[in-house]
Amino acid sequence: MQLIGLPGEATVPIVLGALVSVYAGIAAVVPLGFDVKELTIIAAILLIAHDIPIEAAVSKKTGSTFISLIIIRIIVAFVVGAVINLIM
């Protein structure tokens, strides 16, 4: 998590946002008291990689390979988080 500029506590909202919903991730962020930079990184990650189980089911029904879509979304989310960490 240090690579993307977040403390270990940030895993809770990221995992909740990725597996449950964006709203669960937002609800988990509020009591943790992150600063603006950390909130921006978490928001960017959640916007890219959110609701993964639901969207995997939808993509599976369309005939696409959902495993590759999941992996790409997670990798891109963390790359964007690392870039935002470098910029801010």
N, C-alpha and C. Protein backbone atom coordinates (compact mmCIF):
# COMPACT_ATOMS: atom_id res chain seq x y z
N MET A 1 0.82 -1.19 0.00
CA MET A 1 0.00 0.00 0.00
C MET A 1 0.87 1.26 0.00
N GLN A 2 2.08 1.15 0.49
CA GLN A 2 2.96 2.32 0.52
C GLN A 2 3.34 2.75 -0.90
N LEU A 3 3.34 1.81 -1.85
CA LEU A 3 3.65 2.14 -3.23
C LEU A 3 2.65 3.12 -3.82
N ILE A 4 1.40 3.02 -3.37
CA ILE A 4 0.38 3.94 -3.88
C ILE A 4 0.07 5.04 -2.88
N GLY A 5 0.85 5.16 -1.83
CA GLY A 5 0.74 6.27 -0.90
C GLY A 5 -0.40 6.17 0.09
N LEU A 6 -0.78 4.95 0.44
CA LEU A 6 -1.89 4.77 1.38
C LEU A 6 -1.45 3.96 2.59
N PRO A 7 -2.02 4.26 3.75
CA PRO A 7 -1.74 3.44 4.93
C PRO A 7 -2.48 2.09 4.83
N GLY A 8 -2.14 1.18 5.68
CA GLY A 8 -2.75 -0.15 5.66
C GLY A 8 -4.25 -0.14 5.89
N GLU A 9 -4.74 0.87 6.62
CA GLU A 9 -6.18 0.95 6.90
C GLU A 9 -6.99 1.18 5.63
N ALA A 10 -6.36 1.62 4.58
CA ALA A 10 -7.07 1.90 3.33
C ALA A 10 -7.52 0.63 2.62
N THR A 11 -7.00 -0.52 3.03
CA THR A 11 -7.43 -1.76 2.39
C THR A 11 -8.90 -2.06 2.66
N VAL A 12 -9.40 -1.66 3.81
CA VAL A 12 -10.80 -1.95 4.15
C VAL A 12 -11.76 -1.28 3.15
N PRO A 13 -11.69 0.03 2.93
CA PRO A 13 -12.61 0.61 1.96
C PRO A 13 -12.37 0.15 0.52
N ILE A 14 -11.13 -0.14 0.17
CA ILE A 14 -10.84 -0.60 -1.19
C ILE A 14 -11.44 -1.98 -1.43
N VAL A 15 -11.27 -2.89 -0.48
CA VAL A 15 -11.83 -4.23 -0.63
C VAL A 15 -13.36 -4.19 -0.60
N LEU A 16 -13.93 -3.41 0.30
CA LEU A 16 -15.38 -3.29 0.34
C LEU A 16 -15.93 -2.69 -0.95
N GLY A 17 -15.27 -1.67 -1.46
CA GLY A 17 -15.72 -1.07 -2.71
C GLY A 17 -15.58 -2.02 -3.89
N ALA A 18 -14.53 -2.81 -3.90
CA ALA A 18 -14.32 -3.74 -5.00
C ALA A 18 -15.28 -4.92 -4.95
N LEU A 19 -15.59 -5.40 -3.77
CA LEU A 19 -16.40 -6.62 -3.66
C LEU A 19 -17.88 -6.37 -3.39
N VAL A 20 -18.22 -5.28 -2.73
CA VAL A 20 -19.62 -5.04 -2.38
C VAL A 20 -20.21 -3.95 -3.26
N SER A 21 -19.81 -2.71 -3.03
CA SER A 21 -20.27 -1.59 -3.86
C SER A 21 -19.44 -0.36 -3.55
N VAL A 22 -19.54 0.61 -4.41
CA VAL A 22 -18.82 1.87 -4.19
C VAL A 22 -19.31 2.52 -2.90
N TYR A 23 -20.60 2.40 -2.63
CA TYR A 23 -21.18 3.03 -1.45
C TYR A 23 -20.64 2.40 -0.16
N ALA A 24 -20.37 1.12 -0.17
CA ALA A 24 -19.76 0.47 1.00
C ALA A 24 -18.35 0.98 1.21
N GLY A 25 -17.62 1.19 0.13
CA GLY A 25 -16.27 1.75 0.22
C GLY A 25 -16.29 3.17 0.75
N ILE A 26 -17.25 3.97 0.29
CA ILE A 26 -17.37 5.34 0.78
C ILE A 26 -17.72 5.35 2.26
N ALA A 27 -18.63 4.48 2.66
CA ALA A 27 -19.03 4.41 4.07
C ALA A 27 -17.86 3.99 4.95
N ALA A 28 -16.98 3.15 4.44
CA ALA A 28 -15.83 2.71 5.22
C ALA A 28 -14.74 3.78 5.29
N VAL A 29 -14.70 4.68 4.31
CA VAL A 29 -13.67 5.73 4.29
C VAL A 29 -13.96 6.81 5.32
N VAL A 30 -15.23 7.13 5.50
CA VAL A 30 -15.62 8.29 6.32
C VAL A 30 -15.02 8.27 7.72
N PRO A 31 -15.14 7.19 8.49
CA PRO A 31 -14.62 7.26 9.87
C PRO A 31 -13.09 7.15 9.99
N LEU A 32 -12.40 6.88 8.91
CA LEU A 32 -10.96 6.65 9.01
C LEU A 32 -10.13 7.93 9.00
N GLY A 33 -10.69 9.03 8.54
CA GLY A 33 -10.01 10.32 8.63
C GLY A 33 -8.79 10.47 7.74
N PHE A 34 -8.91 10.11 6.48
CA PHE A 34 -7.80 10.27 5.54
C PHE A 34 -7.70 11.72 5.08
N ASP A 35 -6.51 12.11 4.63
CA ASP A 35 -6.36 13.46 4.09
C ASP A 35 -6.80 13.50 2.62
N VAL A 36 -6.69 14.66 2.01
CA VAL A 36 -7.21 14.86 0.65
C VAL A 36 -6.49 13.97 -0.35
N LYS A 37 -5.18 13.86 -0.24
CA LYS A 37 -4.41 13.02 -1.17
C LYS A 37 -4.85 11.56 -1.08
N GLU A 38 -4.96 11.06 0.13
CA GLU A 38 -5.35 9.65 0.31
C GLU A 38 -6.77 9.41 -0.17
N LEU A 39 -7.67 10.35 0.09
CA LEU A 39 -9.05 10.21 -0.39
C LEU A 39 -9.12 10.22 -1.91
N THR A 40 -8.29 11.04 -2.54
CA THR A 40 -8.27 11.08 -4.00
C THR A 40 -7.79 9.77 -4.58
N ILE A 41 -6.77 9.18 -3.99
CA ILE A 41 -6.24 7.90 -4.47
C ILE A 41 -7.28 6.80 -4.27
N ILE A 42 -7.91 6.76 -3.11
CA ILE A 42 -8.93 5.74 -2.85
C ILE A 42 -10.10 5.90 -3.80
N ALA A 43 -10.53 7.14 -4.03
CA ALA A 43 -11.66 7.39 -4.94
C ALA A 43 -11.34 6.93 -6.36
N ALA A 44 -10.13 7.20 -6.83
CA ALA A 44 -9.74 6.78 -8.18
C ALA A 44 -9.72 5.26 -8.30
N ILE A 45 -9.19 4.59 -7.28
CA ILE A 45 -9.16 3.13 -7.30
C ILE A 45 -10.57 2.56 -7.30
N LEU A 46 -11.44 3.12 -6.47
CA LEU A 46 -12.82 2.63 -6.41
C LEU A 46 -13.59 2.91 -7.69
N LEU A 47 -13.31 4.02 -8.34
CA LEU A 47 -14.01 4.31 -9.58
C LEU A 47 -13.63 3.35 -10.70
N ILE A 48 -12.42 2.84 -10.67
CA ILE A 48 -11.98 1.92 -11.71
C ILE A 48 -12.34 0.48 -11.37
N ALA A 49 -12.12 0.07 -10.13
CA ALA A 49 -12.35 -1.33 -9.74
C ALA A 49 -13.42 -1.39 -8.66
N HIS A 50 -14.69 -1.35 -9.07
CA HIS A 50 -15.80 -1.42 -8.12
C HIS A 50 -16.76 -2.52 -8.56
N ASP A 51 -17.49 -3.07 -7.60
CA ASP A 51 -18.52 -4.08 -7.86
C ASP A 51 -18.02 -5.21 -8.77
N ILE A 52 -16.85 -5.72 -8.49
CA ILE A 52 -16.23 -6.71 -9.36
C ILE A 52 -17.06 -7.99 -9.51
N PRO A 53 -17.63 -8.56 -8.45
CA PRO A 53 -18.41 -9.79 -8.66
C PRO A 53 -19.64 -9.58 -9.55
N ILE A 54 -20.32 -8.47 -9.38
CA ILE A 54 -21.51 -8.21 -10.19
C ILE A 54 -21.13 -7.98 -11.65
N GLU A 55 -20.11 -7.19 -11.88
CA GLU A 55 -19.70 -6.91 -13.24
C GLU A 55 -19.05 -8.13 -13.90
N ALA A 56 -18.46 -9.02 -13.11
CA ALA A 56 -17.93 -10.26 -13.67
C ALA A 56 -19.06 -11.15 -14.16
N ALA A 57 -20.15 -11.19 -13.41
CA ALA A 57 -21.30 -11.99 -13.82
C ALA A 57 -21.92 -11.43 -15.10
N VAL A 58 -22.00 -10.11 -15.18
CA VAL A 58 -22.56 -9.47 -16.38
C VAL A 58 -21.66 -9.74 -17.58
N SER A 59 -20.36 -9.58 -17.41
CA SER A 59 -19.45 -9.80 -18.54
C SER A 59 -19.41 -11.26 -18.95
N LYS A 60 -19.61 -12.17 -18.02
CA LYS A 60 -19.65 -13.59 -18.35
C LYS A 60 -20.86 -13.89 -19.24
N LYS A 61 -21.98 -13.24 -18.95
CA LYS A 61 -23.19 -13.44 -19.76
C LYS A 61 -23.02 -12.89 -21.17
N THR A 62 -22.18 -11.90 -21.34
CA THR A 62 -21.95 -11.34 -22.68
C THR A 62 -20.98 -12.18 -23.49
N GLY A 63 -20.32 -13.14 -22.85
CA GLY A 63 -19.41 -14.02 -23.56
C GLY A 63 -17.96 -13.60 -23.50
N SER A 64 -17.65 -12.52 -22.81
CA SER A 64 -16.26 -12.10 -22.71
C SER A 64 -15.56 -12.86 -21.58
N THR A 65 -14.25 -12.82 -21.61
CA THR A 65 -13.48 -13.50 -20.57
C THR A 65 -13.41 -12.60 -19.35
N PHE A 66 -14.19 -12.95 -18.34
CA PHE A 66 -14.30 -12.08 -17.18
C PHE A 66 -13.06 -12.09 -16.31
N ILE A 67 -12.28 -13.15 -16.31
CA ILE A 67 -11.06 -13.19 -15.51
C ILE A 67 -10.07 -12.13 -15.99
N SER A 68 -9.90 -12.02 -17.29
CA SER A 68 -8.97 -11.02 -17.80
C SER A 68 -9.48 -9.61 -17.53
N LEU A 69 -10.79 -9.39 -17.60
CA LEU A 69 -11.34 -8.07 -17.30
C LEU A 69 -11.11 -7.70 -15.84
N ILE A 70 -11.28 -8.65 -14.95
CA ILE A 70 -11.06 -8.40 -13.53
C ILE A 70 -9.60 -8.05 -13.27
N ILE A 71 -8.71 -8.83 -13.82
CA ILE A 71 -7.28 -8.60 -13.61
C ILE A 71 -6.86 -7.24 -14.17
N ILE A 72 -7.34 -6.92 -15.36
CA ILE A 72 -6.99 -5.63 -15.98
C ILE A 72 -7.51 -4.48 -15.14
N ARG A 73 -8.74 -4.57 -14.66
CA ARG A 73 -9.30 -3.48 -13.85
C ARG A 73 -8.53 -3.27 -12.56
N ILE A 74 -8.14 -4.36 -11.91
CA ILE A 74 -7.40 -4.24 -10.65
C ILE A 74 -6.02 -3.65 -10.90
N ILE A 75 -5.34 -4.14 -11.92
CA ILE A 75 -4.00 -3.62 -12.23
C ILE A 75 -4.07 -2.15 -12.61
N VAL A 76 -5.01 -1.77 -13.47
CA VAL A 76 -5.13 -0.38 -13.89
C VAL A 76 -5.48 0.51 -12.70
N ALA A 77 -6.34 0.03 -11.81
CA ALA A 77 -6.71 0.82 -10.63
C ALA A 77 -5.48 1.14 -9.78
N PHE A 78 -4.63 0.16 -9.55
CA PHE A 78 -3.46 0.40 -8.72
C PHE A 78 -2.38 1.20 -9.45
N VAL A 79 -2.29 1.06 -10.76
CA VAL A 79 -1.36 1.90 -11.53
C VAL A 79 -1.80 3.36 -11.46
N VAL A 80 -3.10 3.60 -11.62
CA VAL A 80 -3.61 4.96 -11.51
C VAL A 80 -3.38 5.51 -10.10
N GLY A 81 -3.58 4.68 -9.07
CA GLY A 81 -3.30 5.10 -7.71
C GLY A 81 -1.84 5.49 -7.52
N ALA A 82 -0.92 4.72 -8.09
CA ALA A 82 0.51 5.02 -7.99
C ALA A 82 0.85 6.32 -8.74
N VAL A 83 0.23 6.54 -9.88
CA VAL A 83 0.49 7.77 -10.65
C VAL A 83 -0.04 8.99 -9.88
N ILE A 84 -1.23 8.87 -9.32
CA ILE A 84 -1.76 9.97 -8.53
C ILE A 84 -0.87 10.25 -7.32
N ASN A 85 -0.33 9.21 -6.72
CA ASN A 85 0.59 9.38 -5.60
C ASN A 85 1.83 10.15 -6.03
N LEU A 86 2.34 9.86 -7.20
CA LEU A 86 3.52 10.58 -7.70
C LEU A 86 3.20 12.04 -8.04
N ILE A 87 2.02 12.27 -8.59
CA ILE A 87 1.65 13.62 -9.00
C ILE A 87 1.37 14.51 -7.78
N MET A 88 0.65 13.97 -6.81
CA MET A 88 0.25 14.79 -5.67
C MET A 88 1.35 14.74 -4.62
